[in-house]
């Protein structure tokens, strides 16, 4: 009987480890299959080596870019841009959603304008933004803000407006101050949707930034791709695309972990 707690703990650990292993296997089966198929078709010469380089060529190109520091430099510039623009977007979207929730008249006044702006793809605004802000960082930050603002804003606004009315009644009955109501009632009740908007906003910001770098930039992962395409270095193009995908996956995973932690450990989808 003395060893029963130890055995139970071991069973739980094995169960948890097995669950994690099964999830990793499930997530990794398809990528592994694609890599193996790619390697087999390349070795048999069944694909055009110019359009789809072999894994060896792509690996050699990646090592070359890493050794010179070029890949790290472009990735660092892109990440600095996306986090700067995303932070600016979040800093504007969340307070504005709160203001619109508290002052419905403003929400009605700005609804039509916001819907028109939201319907315009951010990349379609690039020529105009370049005319306004030039080819510097301001135009790229503007693209990121336009892309990531509305997912954050709309989810936060939806969270505020869909809150259970009983919480509002309780807040009124307790005569809470505005800031106490905000901290103790409004934000906790709206947190799941706010977190969803933050995660979606970063995804939109990442894609929009790289699209902006394809058009008007002298550095960044988007520039690396277009510059490599101009030099007919398809292997470097693949390196840039893979780096974009891996970085996006990494930061999305961090946001998912943050969402799980803040929401109290909701299981992974």
Protein backbone atom coordinates (compact mmCIF):
# COMPACT_ATOMS: atom_id res chain seq x y z
CA UNK A 1 0.00 0.00 0.00
CA UNK A 2 2.91 2.32 0.66
CA UNK A 3 3.96 2.10 -3.00
CA UNK A 4 0.46 2.78 -4.33
CA UNK A 5 0.93 6.59 -4.73
CA UNK A 6 4.24 6.03 -6.52
CA UNK A 7 2.67 3.52 -8.90
CA UNK A 8 -0.26 5.83 -9.56
CA UNK A 9 2.09 8.73 -10.31
CA UNK A 10 4.10 6.53 -12.68
CA UNK A 11 0.93 5.48 -14.47
CA UNK A 12 -0.13 9.11 -14.90
CA UNK A 13 3.32 10.09 -16.21
CA UNK A 14 3.33 7.22 -18.70
CA UNK A 15 -0.17 8.14 -19.80
CA UNK A 16 0.74 11.79 -20.24
CA UNK A 17 3.95 10.90 -22.07
CA UNK A 18 2.07 8.53 -24.35
CA UNK A 19 -0.50 11.20 -25.15
CA UNK A 20 2.20 13.73 -26.04
CA UNK A 21 3.99 11.15 -28.17
CA UNK A 22 0.81 10.26 -30.03
CA UNK A 23 0.11 13.90 -30.73
CA UNK A 24 3.64 14.50 -32.00
CA UNK A 25 3.35 11.47 -34.25
CA UNK A 26 -0.03 12.61 -35.56
CA UNK A 27 1.30 16.09 -36.34
CA UNK A 28 4.51 14.77 -37.91
CA UNK A 29 3.19 11.97 -40.14
CA UNK A 30 2.17 14.11 -43.10
CA UNK A 31 5.28 16.37 -43.14
CA UNK A 32 7.50 13.30 -42.89
CA UNK A 33 5.64 11.63 -45.74
CA UNK A 34 6.01 14.74 -47.92
CA UNK A 35 9.76 14.90 -47.20
CA UNK A 36 10.25 11.21 -48.04
CA UNK A 37 8.21 11.52 -51.24
CA UNK A 38 10.18 14.62 -52.22
CA UNK A 39 13.48 12.82 -51.65
CA UNK A 40 12.41 9.73 -53.62
CA UNK A 41 11.05 11.67 -56.60
CA UNK A 42 14.17 13.87 -56.71
CA UNK A 43 16.53 10.89 -56.59
CA UNK A 44 14.61 9.19 -59.41
CA UNK A 45 14.67 12.35 -61.52
CA UNK A 46 10.88 12.42 -61.76
CA UNK A 47 10.62 16.16 -60.97
CA UNK A 48 12.16 19.18 -62.63
CA UNK A 49 15.25 19.92 -60.55
CA UNK A 50 15.07 23.62 -61.45
CA UNK A 51 11.45 24.11 -60.35
CA UNK A 52 11.66 21.75 -57.35
CA UNK A 53 15.28 21.41 -56.17
CA UNK A 54 16.40 18.37 -54.25
CA UNK A 55 16.55 18.44 -50.47
CA UNK A 56 20.35 18.31 -50.70
CA UNK A 57 20.46 21.52 -52.74
CA UNK A 58 18.07 23.27 -50.39
CA UNK A 59 20.04 22.11 -47.37
CA UNK A 60 23.30 23.33 -48.91
CA UNK A 61 21.71 26.70 -49.69
CA UNK A 62 20.39 26.97 -46.13
CA UNK A 63 23.83 26.18 -44.69
CA UNK A 64 25.42 28.78 -46.93
CA UNK A 65 22.94 31.44 -45.84
CA UNK A 66 23.42 30.50 -42.19
CA UNK A 67 27.22 30.58 -42.42
CA UNK A 68 27.23 34.05 -43.94
CA UNK A 69 24.58 35.24 -41.46
CA UNK A 70 22.33 36.40 -44.29
CA UNK A 71 19.37 34.26 -43.25
CA UNK A 72 19.55 35.39 -39.62
CA UNK A 73 19.77 39.03 -40.68
CA UNK A 74 16.74 38.86 -42.96
CA UNK A 75 14.74 36.89 -40.38
CA UNK A 76 15.63 39.34 -37.62
CA UNK A 77 14.55 42.32 -39.72
CA UNK A 78 11.22 40.67 -40.59
CA UNK A 79 10.55 39.73 -36.96
CA UNK A 80 11.35 43.25 -35.73
CA UNK A 81 8.93 44.68 -38.26
CA UNK A 82 6.11 42.27 -37.55
CA UNK A 83 6.31 42.56 -33.76
CA UNK A 84 6.56 46.35 -33.94
CA UNK A 85 3.53 46.66 -36.20
CA UNK A 86 1.60 44.00 -34.33
CA UNK A 87 2.27 45.69 -30.98
CA UNK A 88 1.07 49.01 -32.41
CA UNK A 89 -2.04 47.33 -33.76
CA UNK A 90 -2.89 45.65 -30.45
CA UNK A 91 -2.22 48.88 -28.56
CA UNK A 92 -4.80 50.65 -30.75
CA UNK A 93 -7.36 47.87 -31.25
CA UNK A 94 -8.01 46.84 -27.64
CA UNK A 95 -8.60 50.35 -26.19
CA UNK A 96 -10.73 51.31 -29.18
CA UNK A 97 -12.87 48.19 -28.80
CA UNK A 98 -13.42 49.14 -25.16
CA UNK A 99 -14.34 52.73 -26.07
CA UNK A 100 -16.83 51.53 -28.69
CA UNK A 101 -18.33 49.12 -26.17
CA UNK A 102 -18.81 51.86 -23.60
CA UNK A 103 -20.03 54.49 -26.11
CA UNK A 104 -22.43 52.78 -28.58
CA UNK A 105 -22.96 56.05 -30.47
CA UNK A 106 -19.31 56.05 -31.58
CA UNK A 107 -19.64 52.41 -32.68
CA UNK A 108 -22.62 53.29 -34.87
CA UNK A 109 -20.89 56.35 -36.32
CA UNK A 110 -17.70 54.51 -37.30
CA UNK A 111 -19.27 51.18 -38.27
CA UNK A 112 -19.65 51.97 -41.99
CA UNK A 113 -16.14 53.42 -42.37
CA UNK A 114 -14.55 50.51 -40.54
CA UNK A 115 -16.41 47.97 -42.65
CA UNK A 116 -15.21 49.63 -45.87
CA UNK A 117 -11.59 49.67 -44.68
CA UNK A 118 -11.84 46.06 -43.50
CA UNK A 119 -13.11 44.96 -46.92
CA UNK A 120 -9.99 46.32 -48.67
CA UNK A 121 -7.07 43.84 -48.70
CA UNK A 122 -4.02 45.43 -47.04
CA UNK A 123 -1.76 44.45 -49.95
CA UNK A 124 -4.00 46.46 -52.28
CA UNK A 125 -3.10 49.52 -50.21
CA UNK A 126 0.66 49.12 -50.69
CA UNK A 127 1.00 51.51 -53.70
CA UNK A 128 -0.92 54.21 -51.82
CA UNK A 129 1.00 53.63 -48.60
CA UNK A 130 4.29 53.92 -50.47
CA UNK A 131 3.15 57.26 -51.88
CA UNK A 132 2.19 58.46 -48.42
CA UNK A 133 5.03 57.06 -46.30
CA UNK A 134 7.76 56.24 -48.84
CA UNK A 135 9.74 53.00 -49.06
CA UNK A 136 10.89 53.08 -45.44
CA UNK A 137 9.60 51.22 -42.41
CA UNK A 138 6.47 53.35 -41.98
CA UNK A 139 4.73 51.88 -45.04
CA UNK A 140 5.45 48.32 -43.89
CA UNK A 141 4.20 49.04 -40.37
CA UNK A 142 1.04 50.51 -41.88
CA UNK A 143 0.42 47.30 -43.85
CA UNK A 144 0.86 45.23 -40.69
CA UNK A 145 -1.52 47.44 -38.72
CA UNK A 146 -4.17 47.29 -41.45
CA UNK A 147 -3.90 43.51 -41.60
CA UNK A 148 -3.88 42.73 -37.88
CA UNK A 149 -6.08 45.48 -36.46
CA UNK A 150 -9.51 44.10 -37.31
CA UNK A 151 -9.08 40.50 -36.06
CA UNK A 152 -7.99 41.87 -32.68
CA UNK A 153 -10.57 44.66 -32.62
CA UNK A 154 -13.58 42.59 -33.71
CA UNK A 155 -12.83 39.69 -31.37
CA UNK A 156 -12.36 42.02 -28.41
CA UNK A 157 -15.54 43.89 -29.27
CA UNK A 158 -17.42 40.61 -29.67
CA UNK A 159 -16.14 39.44 -26.29
CA UNK A 160 -17.28 42.64 -24.61
CA UNK A 161 -20.77 42.63 -26.16
CA UNK A 162 -21.45 38.89 -25.71
CA UNK A 163 -20.72 38.88 -21.98
CA UNK A 164 -23.39 37.31 -19.80
CA UNK A 165 -25.81 40.00 -18.64
CA UNK A 166 -25.83 38.59 -15.12
CA UNK A 167 -22.25 39.74 -14.66
CA UNK A 168 -23.26 43.27 -15.62
CA UNK A 169 -26.14 43.18 -13.17
CA UNK A 170 -23.82 41.96 -10.44
CA UNK A 171 -21.33 44.73 -11.21
CA UNK A 172 -24.07 47.36 -11.04
CA UNK A 173 -25.49 45.97 -7.81
CA UNK A 174 -22.05 46.12 -6.21
CA UNK A 175 -21.58 49.65 -7.59
CA UNK A 176 -18.10 48.86 -8.86
CA UNK A 177 -16.01 51.68 -10.26
CA UNK A 178 -15.24 51.61 -13.97
CA UNK A 179 -11.69 50.36 -13.50
CA UNK A 180 -12.75 47.75 -10.94
CA UNK A 181 -15.52 46.62 -13.30
CA UNK A 182 -13.00 46.46 -16.14
CA UNK A 183 -10.44 44.46 -14.15
CA UNK A 184 -12.80 42.14 -12.28
CA UNK A 185 -15.70 41.58 -14.70
CA UNK A 186 -15.29 42.79 -18.27
CA UNK A 187 -11.79 41.56 -19.12
CA UNK A 188 -12.07 38.11 -17.42
CA UNK A 189 -15.41 37.45 -19.13
CA UNK A 190 -14.06 38.54 -22.55
CA UNK A 191 -10.59 36.99 -22.25
CA UNK A 192 -11.17 33.88 -24.44
CA UNK A 193 -12.27 35.93 -27.44
CA UNK A 194 -9.57 38.54 -26.86
CA UNK A 195 -6.91 35.84 -26.88
CA UNK A 196 -8.36 34.32 -30.05
CA UNK A 197 -8.19 37.73 -31.71
CA UNK A 198 -4.59 38.22 -30.63
CA UNK A 199 -3.59 34.89 -32.15
CA UNK A 200 -5.45 35.56 -35.40
CA UNK A 201 -4.05 39.07 -35.57
CA UNK A 202 -0.47 37.84 -35.43
CA UNK A 203 -1.11 35.37 -38.26
CA UNK A 204 -2.53 38.15 -40.45
CA UNK A 205 0.34 40.46 -39.51
CA UNK A 206 2.98 37.86 -40.45
CA UNK A 207 1.47 37.18 -43.86
CA UNK A 208 0.92 40.86 -44.63
CA UNK A 209 4.48 41.82 -43.71
CA UNK A 210 6.00 39.25 -46.01
CA UNK A 211 3.69 40.37 -48.80
CA UNK A 212 4.84 43.96 -48.26
CA UNK A 213 8.49 42.88 -48.35
CA UNK A 214 7.92 41.23 -51.70
CA UNK A 215 6.99 44.60 -53.20
CA UNK A 216 9.06 47.24 -51.49
CA UNK A 217 11.99 46.26 -49.32
CA UNK A 218 15.75 45.91 -49.36
CA UNK A 219 15.88 43.40 -46.51
CA UNK A 220 13.73 40.77 -44.84
CA UNK A 221 12.58 37.28 -45.73
CA UNK A 222 10.24 38.55 -48.42
CA UNK A 223 13.14 40.41 -50.04
CA UNK A 224 15.31 37.30 -49.78
CA UNK A 225 12.73 35.36 -51.79
CA UNK A 226 12.34 37.96 -54.54
CA UNK A 227 16.09 38.56 -54.77
CA UNK A 228 16.73 34.82 -55.04
CA UNK A 229 14.05 34.50 -57.71
CA UNK A 230 15.70 37.29 -59.72
CA UNK A 231 19.01 35.39 -59.55
CA UNK A 232 17.29 32.11 -60.55
CA UNK A 233 18.26 30.59 -57.18
CA UNK A 234 15.15 28.48 -56.60
CA UNK A 235 16.88 26.62 -53.77
CA UNK A 236 17.23 29.90 -51.84
CA UNK A 237 13.60 30.69 -52.58
CA UNK A 238 12.64 27.42 -50.88
CA UNK A 239 14.90 28.27 -47.93
CA UNK A 240 13.09 31.57 -47.47
CA UNK A 241 9.66 29.95 -47.71
CA UNK A 242 10.60 27.20 -45.24
CA UNK A 243 12.03 29.79 -42.82
CA UNK A 244 8.77 31.75 -43.02
CA UNK A 245 6.74 28.64 -42.29
CA UNK A 246 8.90 27.50 -39.38
CA UNK A 247 8.99 30.92 -37.74
CA UNK A 248 5.23 31.30 -38.16
CA UNK A 249 4.68 27.86 -36.63
CA UNK A 250 7.01 28.66 -33.73
CA UNK A 251 5.31 31.90 -32.74
CA UNK A 252 1.82 30.50 -33.29
CA UNK A 253 2.73 27.66 -30.94
CA UNK A 254 3.90 30.16 -28.32
CA UNK A 255 0.61 32.03 -28.62
CA UNK A 256 -1.32 28.77 -28.31
CA UNK A 257 0.58 27.92 -25.13
CA UNK A 258 -0.15 31.39 -23.75
CA UNK A 259 -3.84 30.95 -24.54
CA UNK A 260 -3.90 27.57 -22.78
CA UNK A 261 -2.16 29.02 -19.74
CA UNK A 262 -4.44 32.04 -19.45
CA UNK A 263 -7.61 30.06 -20.08
CA UNK A 264 -6.75 27.51 -17.43
CA UNK A 265 -5.36 24.64 -19.46
CA UNK A 266 -7.94 24.09 -22.18
CA UNK A 267 -6.86 21.02 -24.26
CA UNK A 268 -5.21 21.45 -27.62
CA UNK A 269 -7.57 21.33 -30.62
